[in-house]
Protein backbone atom coordinates (compact mmCIF):
# COMPACT_ATOMS: atom_id res chain seq x y z
CA MET A 1 97.74 97.49 119.73
CA THR A 2 100.12 95.18 117.90
CA THR A 3 99.95 91.55 118.96
CA ARG A 4 103.17 89.61 118.64
CA ARG A 5 103.01 85.92 117.88
CA ASN A 6 105.87 83.45 117.83
CA ALA A 7 107.74 84.13 114.61
CA LEU A 8 108.52 80.90 112.73
CA GLY A 9 107.58 77.71 114.52
CA ARG A 10 111.17 76.84 115.37
CA GLY A 11 112.25 80.39 116.25
CA LEU A 12 115.77 81.76 116.08
CA GLY A 13 116.76 79.74 119.13
CA ALA A 14 116.86 76.68 116.89
CA LEU A 15 119.37 78.46 114.65
CA ILE A 16 121.50 80.25 117.24
CA PRO A 17 122.11 78.54 120.60
CA THR A 18 122.63 81.10 123.37
CA PRO A 19 125.79 80.47 125.39
CA PRO A 20 125.95 81.38 129.10
CA LEU A 21 127.79 84.63 129.89
CA SER A 22 130.85 84.49 132.13
CA GLY A 23 134.45 85.65 132.30
CA ALA A 24 135.04 88.60 129.99
CA ALA A 25 131.35 88.82 129.15
CA LEU A 26 130.79 89.76 132.78
CA GLY A 27 133.64 92.25 132.85
CA GLY A 28 136.57 89.92 133.59
CA ASP A 29 139.61 88.72 131.63
CA PRO A 30 138.94 88.68 127.85
CA ALA A 31 140.77 85.37 127.70
CA LEU A 32 137.93 83.86 129.70
CA ALA A 33 135.30 84.82 127.14
CA PRO A 34 133.09 81.76 126.56
CA GLU A 35 133.44 79.95 123.28
CA PRO A 36 130.22 79.89 121.22
CA ARG A 37 128.55 76.52 121.69
CA GLY A 38 126.89 74.32 119.10
CA PRO A 39 127.81 72.87 115.70
CA TYR A 40 129.78 75.90 114.51
CA THR A 41 133.00 76.33 112.58
CA GLN A 42 135.48 79.16 112.14
CA ILE A 43 135.07 80.81 108.72
CA GLU A 44 137.22 83.54 107.20
CA VAL A 45 135.46 86.90 107.31
CA GLU A 46 136.44 87.62 103.70
CA LYS A 47 134.75 84.45 102.44
CA ILE A 48 131.35 85.60 103.70
CA ARG A 49 129.04 87.74 101.56
CA PRO A 50 126.00 89.73 102.77
CA ASN A 51 122.51 88.38 102.29
CA PRO A 52 121.24 90.13 99.12
CA GLN A 53 117.74 90.03 100.59
CA GLN A 54 118.74 91.52 103.95
CA PRO A 55 115.79 93.79 104.87
CA ARG A 56 117.97 96.08 106.94
CA ARG A 57 119.30 98.73 104.59
CA SER A 58 121.23 100.97 107.00
CA PHE A 59 123.68 100.16 109.77
CA ASP A 60 124.46 102.84 112.34
CA ALA A 61 128.20 103.54 112.28
CA ALA A 62 128.35 104.37 115.99
CA GLU A 63 126.52 101.16 116.93
CA LEU A 64 128.84 99.09 114.75
CA ALA A 65 131.88 100.77 116.31
CA GLY A 66 130.56 100.04 119.79
CA LEU A 67 129.90 96.42 118.92
CA ALA A 68 133.37 96.12 117.36
CA ASP A 69 134.90 97.44 120.57
CA SER A 70 132.93 94.89 122.58
CA ILE A 71 134.15 92.12 120.27
CA VAL A 72 137.76 93.22 120.75
CA ARG A 73 137.32 93.06 124.53
CA HIS A 74 135.04 90.06 124.91
CA GLY A 75 135.14 88.13 121.66
CA LEU A 76 132.19 87.23 119.44
CA LEU A 77 129.87 85.40 121.83
CA HIS A 78 127.22 84.28 119.35
CA PRO A 79 127.95 82.59 116.03
CA ILE A 80 126.46 83.94 112.85
CA VAL A 81 124.46 81.73 110.50
CA VAL A 82 125.55 81.23 106.89
CA ARG A 83 124.78 78.98 103.94
CA GLY A 84 127.16 77.69 101.30
CA SER A 85 127.25 79.76 98.12
CA GLY A 86 129.71 79.11 95.30
CA ASP A 87 133.23 79.08 96.67
CA GLY A 88 132.21 80.96 99.80
CA TYR A 89 129.31 81.60 102.11
CA GLU A 90 126.26 83.83 102.24
CA LEU A 91 124.91 85.35 105.44
CA VAL A 92 121.56 84.17 106.71
CA VAL A 93 121.55 85.75 110.18
CA GLY A 94 124.03 88.07 111.88
CA GLU A 95 125.14 90.70 109.37
CA ARG A 96 125.63 93.34 112.06
CA ARG A 97 127.95 91.00 114.01
CA TRP A 98 129.81 90.07 110.84
CA ARG A 99 130.37 93.72 109.92
CA ALA A 100 131.50 94.57 113.46
CA ALA A 101 133.84 91.56 113.51
CA GLY A 102 135.52 92.91 110.37
CA LEU A 103 135.89 96.33 112.01
CA ALA A 104 137.38 94.64 115.07
CA GLY A 105 140.03 93.06 112.88
CA LEU A 106 138.92 89.45 113.25
CA LYS A 107 140.17 87.19 110.47
CA THR A 108 137.64 84.44 111.21
CA VAL A 109 134.24 84.30 112.91
CA PRO A 110 132.32 81.41 114.46
CA ALA A 111 129.52 80.44 112.10
CA MET A 112 126.86 77.78 111.83
CA VAL A 113 126.44 76.48 108.29
CA LYS A 114 122.79 75.77 107.50
CA ASP A 115 121.07 74.40 104.44
CA VAL A 116 118.74 77.30 103.72
CA ALA A 117 116.76 77.58 100.50
CA PRO A 118 117.02 80.94 98.68
CA ARG A 119 113.34 81.67 99.29
CA GLU A 120 113.93 81.38 103.06
CA LEU A 121 116.76 83.93 103.18
CA LEU A 122 114.53 86.99 103.39
CA GLU A 123 112.14 85.36 105.83
CA MET A 124 114.83 84.33 108.31
CA ALA A 125 116.64 87.67 108.10
CA LEU A 126 113.33 89.45 108.57
CA VAL A 127 112.38 87.35 111.59
CA GLU A 128 115.70 88.05 113.27
CA ASN A 129 115.32 91.80 112.82
CA VAL A 130 111.65 91.81 113.86
CA GLN A 131 112.40 89.88 117.03
CA ARG A 132 115.24 92.26 117.86
CA ARG A 133 113.31 95.36 116.72
CA ASP A 134 116.21 96.34 114.47
CA LEU A 135 114.26 97.53 111.41
CA ASN A 136 112.66 100.90 110.83
CA PRO A 137 109.07 100.94 109.46
CA ILE A 138 110.11 101.47 105.84
CA GLU A 139 112.62 98.62 105.92
CA LEU A 140 109.88 96.40 107.34
CA ALA A 141 107.51 97.56 104.62
CA HIS A 142 109.94 96.64 101.84
CA ALA A 143 110.56 93.23 103.39
CA PHE A 144 106.82 92.58 103.77
CA ARG A 145 106.27 93.59 100.15
CA ALA A 146 108.98 91.23 98.98
CA LEU A 147 107.29 88.37 100.84
CA THR A 148 103.85 89.22 99.41
CA GLU A 149 105.32 89.47 95.92
CA SER A 150 106.69 85.96 96.34
CA GLY A 151 103.11 84.72 96.64
CA SER A 152 102.32 85.01 100.36
CA THR A 153 99.18 86.70 101.61
CA GLN A 154 99.36 89.42 104.25
CA GLU A 155 97.92 86.96 106.77
CA GLU A 156 100.61 84.41 105.93
CA VAL A 157 103.35 87.03 106.23
CA GLY A 158 101.98 88.01 109.63
CA ASP A 159 101.98 84.39 110.78
CA ARG A 160 105.58 83.94 109.65
CA VAL A 161 107.02 87.00 111.37
CA GLY A 162 104.74 87.09 114.42
CA LEU A 163 102.71 90.22 113.62
CA ASP A 164 99.03 90.92 113.00
CA ARG A 165 97.78 91.19 109.42
CA SER A 166 96.71 94.80 110.10
CA THR A 167 100.30 95.67 111.03
CA ILE A 168 101.52 94.19 107.76
CA ALA A 169 98.89 96.16 105.81
CA ASN A 170 99.69 99.43 107.59
CA HIS A 171 103.38 99.10 106.83
CA LEU A 172 102.75 98.24 103.19
CA ARG A 173 100.65 101.39 102.79
CA LEU A 174 103.65 103.50 103.81
CA LEU A 175 105.27 102.60 100.51
CA GLU A 176 102.56 104.67 98.78
CA LEU A 177 104.16 107.81 100.26
CA PRO A 178 106.65 109.76 98.11
CA ARG A 179 110.28 108.91 98.83
CA GLU A 180 110.98 112.11 100.78
CA LEU A 181 108.18 111.32 103.25
CA GLN A 182 109.33 107.71 103.49
CA GLN A 183 112.71 109.09 104.56
CA ASP A 184 110.97 111.04 107.33
CA VAL A 185 109.45 107.80 108.60
CA GLU A 186 112.79 105.99 108.29
CA SER A 187 114.56 108.62 110.35
CA GLY A 188 111.82 108.83 112.99
CA VAL A 189 110.78 112.40 112.12
CA LEU A 190 107.31 110.95 111.43
CA GLY A 191 105.68 107.94 113.01
CA VAL A 192 103.74 105.20 111.24
CA GLY A 193 100.47 106.83 112.34
CA HIS A 194 101.56 110.18 110.92
CA GLY A 195 102.41 108.46 107.64
CA LYS A 196 98.93 106.94 107.49
CA ALA A 197 97.40 110.36 108.11
CA LEU A 198 99.39 111.88 105.23
CA LEU A 199 98.09 109.16 102.91
CA GLN A 200 94.58 110.61 103.30
CA ILE A 201 95.66 113.65 101.27
CA ALA A 202 96.13 113.23 97.52
CA ASN A 203 97.24 116.80 96.82
CA PRO A 204 101.07 116.93 97.10
CA GLU A 205 101.14 120.56 98.26
CA ARG A 206 98.59 119.98 101.01
CA ARG A 207 100.37 116.78 102.03
CA ARG A 208 103.66 118.66 102.34
CA HIS A 209 101.92 121.40 104.30
CA LEU A 210 100.52 118.87 106.76
CA ARG A 211 103.93 117.20 107.11
CA ASP A 212 105.49 120.55 108.02
CA ARG A 213 102.78 121.27 110.59
CA ILE A 214 103.17 117.84 112.17
CA VAL A 215 106.91 118.40 112.58
CA ALA A 216 106.76 122.07 113.61
CA ASN A 217 103.98 121.61 116.16
CA GLN A 218 104.77 118.05 117.22
CA LEU A 219 101.19 117.04 116.45
CA SER A 220 99.88 113.81 117.88
CA VAL A 221 98.68 111.14 115.48
CA ARG A 222 95.07 111.93 116.37
CA ALA A 223 95.53 115.64 115.68
CA ALA A 224 97.30 114.84 112.41
CA GLU A 225 94.47 112.52 111.35
CA GLU A 226 91.81 115.14 112.09
CA LEU A 227 93.71 117.82 110.22
CA ALA A 228 94.28 115.43 107.30
CA ARG A 229 90.54 114.77 107.05
CA SER A 230 89.92 118.49 107.03
CA LEU A 231 92.48 119.19 104.33
CA ALA A 232 91.18 116.27 102.30
CA GLY A 233 87.65 117.63 102.57
CA THR A 234 86.32 114.77 104.70
CA ARG A 235 85.01 114.77 108.22
CA MET A 236 86.46 112.86 111.14
CA PRO A 237 84.03 110.12 112.18
CA THR A 238 82.52 111.01 115.53
CA ARG A 239 79.52 110.05 117.59
CA ARG A 240 76.36 111.56 116.24
CA ARG A 241 75.21 114.77 117.87
CA PRO A 242 72.32 117.12 117.17
CA ARG A 243 73.08 119.39 114.23
CA ALA A 244 73.58 122.97 115.38
CA ALA A 245 70.93 125.32 114.08
CA GLY A 246 72.18 127.29 111.17
CA ASP A 247 75.18 125.06 110.25
CA ALA A 248 76.53 126.10 106.86
CA GLN A 249 74.12 124.25 104.62
CA ASP A 250 73.59 127.13 102.23
CA PRO A 251 75.64 126.53 99.06
CA HIS A 252 77.08 130.03 99.21
CA LEU A 253 78.17 129.58 102.81
CA GLN A 254 79.69 126.22 101.97
CA GLN A 255 81.67 127.83 99.16
CA LEU A 256 82.95 130.36 101.68
CA VAL A 257 83.93 127.57 104.07
CA ASP A 258 85.80 125.80 101.29
CA ALA A 259 87.59 129.00 100.26
CA LEU A 260 88.66 129.73 103.86
CA ARG A 261 89.84 126.15 104.33
CA ASP A 262 91.95 126.38 101.17
CA GLN A 263 93.36 129.76 102.16
CA LEU A 264 94.17 128.93 105.79
CA LYS A 265 94.97 125.22 105.35
CA THR A 266 92.99 124.23 108.42
CA LYS A 267 89.51 123.21 109.52
CA VAL A 268 86.89 125.98 109.25
CA ARG A 269 83.23 125.95 110.33
CA ILE A 270 80.51 128.58 109.92
CA THR A 271 77.25 128.54 111.86
CA VAL A 272 74.38 130.94 111.29
CA ALA A 273 71.28 131.43 113.44
CA GLY A 274 68.77 134.29 113.51
CA GLY A 275 70.78 136.51 111.24
CA ARG A 276 73.88 136.13 113.42
CA GLY A 277 76.69 133.61 113.17
CA ARG A 278 80.12 132.42 114.07
CA ILE A 279 83.27 131.45 112.18
CA GLU A 280 85.39 128.78 113.90
CA ILE A 281 89.00 128.30 112.78
CA GLU A 282 91.02 125.50 114.33
CA PHE A 283 94.74 125.71 115.10
CA TYR A 284 97.21 123.23 116.54
CA GLY A 285 99.72 125.01 118.74
CA PRO A 286 101.16 128.54 119.04
CA GLU A 287 103.13 128.37 115.79
CA ASP A 288 100.04 127.27 113.90
CA LEU A 289 98.04 130.13 115.42
CA HIS A 290 100.73 132.59 114.35
CA ARG A 291 100.70 131.17 110.81
CA ILE A 292 96.90 131.45 110.52
CA THR A 293 96.68 134.98 111.94
CA ARG A 294 99.50 136.09 109.64
CA ALA A 295 97.65 134.63 106.65
CA ILE A 296 94.48 136.49 107.66
CA LEU A 297 96.15 139.81 108.33
CA GLU A 298 98.31 139.75 105.22
CA SER A 299 95.26 139.13 103.04
CA ALA A 300 93.33 142.01 104.63
CA PRO A 301 92.91 145.11 102.40
């Protein structure tokens, strides 16, 4: 379980005061929309540039359109946060609101100008998105990597953004996946746990095979991890139990187990006792069973 700590000692509340909602914000006359409170100023939308270290790499068009419609009806209720940059300004917090304000046709937006050092840009943008759960796992991973590459340890990154060190480490490991599998995690086709399971397999073909089975059979993370260990040739750690008499200890039997595992792409076990034995082949759902039986029957003479 992920434990959330307070991200940044001062929190985003110190940067963005939250105004009370009334008037248009509660469904009334748009003219009654509350003015953002605090030391803000109106800044031209065109004079503001995105944060180059913004960890969020994709903005949903439908969400932006919905927010723009809300801004047209109710106004922009919360100021964005910017810092001076050249002859204009650079976003620190609030890129989604800034983009939606442009779509809504606003010429100016309420903004709070803060003195933010360049090294703090990524951290503050990351904290905002983490607190609002706006980033997908791969976007988080890239942001965490950028912070670690700037000299922070995983523990320090966790303290800054309010997450456990293990969460930081698990996200960073996702960047070891090939880009196509990272895209699956970004889009939600695979979860973080599924991504970790795929990392157990070095062989690209087997990894792709496992990915397809996870998606086709909607495998749980636990099932994916067990299958990954099987395909990688390692056993899932379990409580010790008495070894069944006749387990495939003979080298020739073990070679047969390995050959069946490679052929069927699933976990196989052979037990022999008193001249008799059993072959156990695991499957994960009806489609997987169909795939395995087809592979067996098609290879039959």
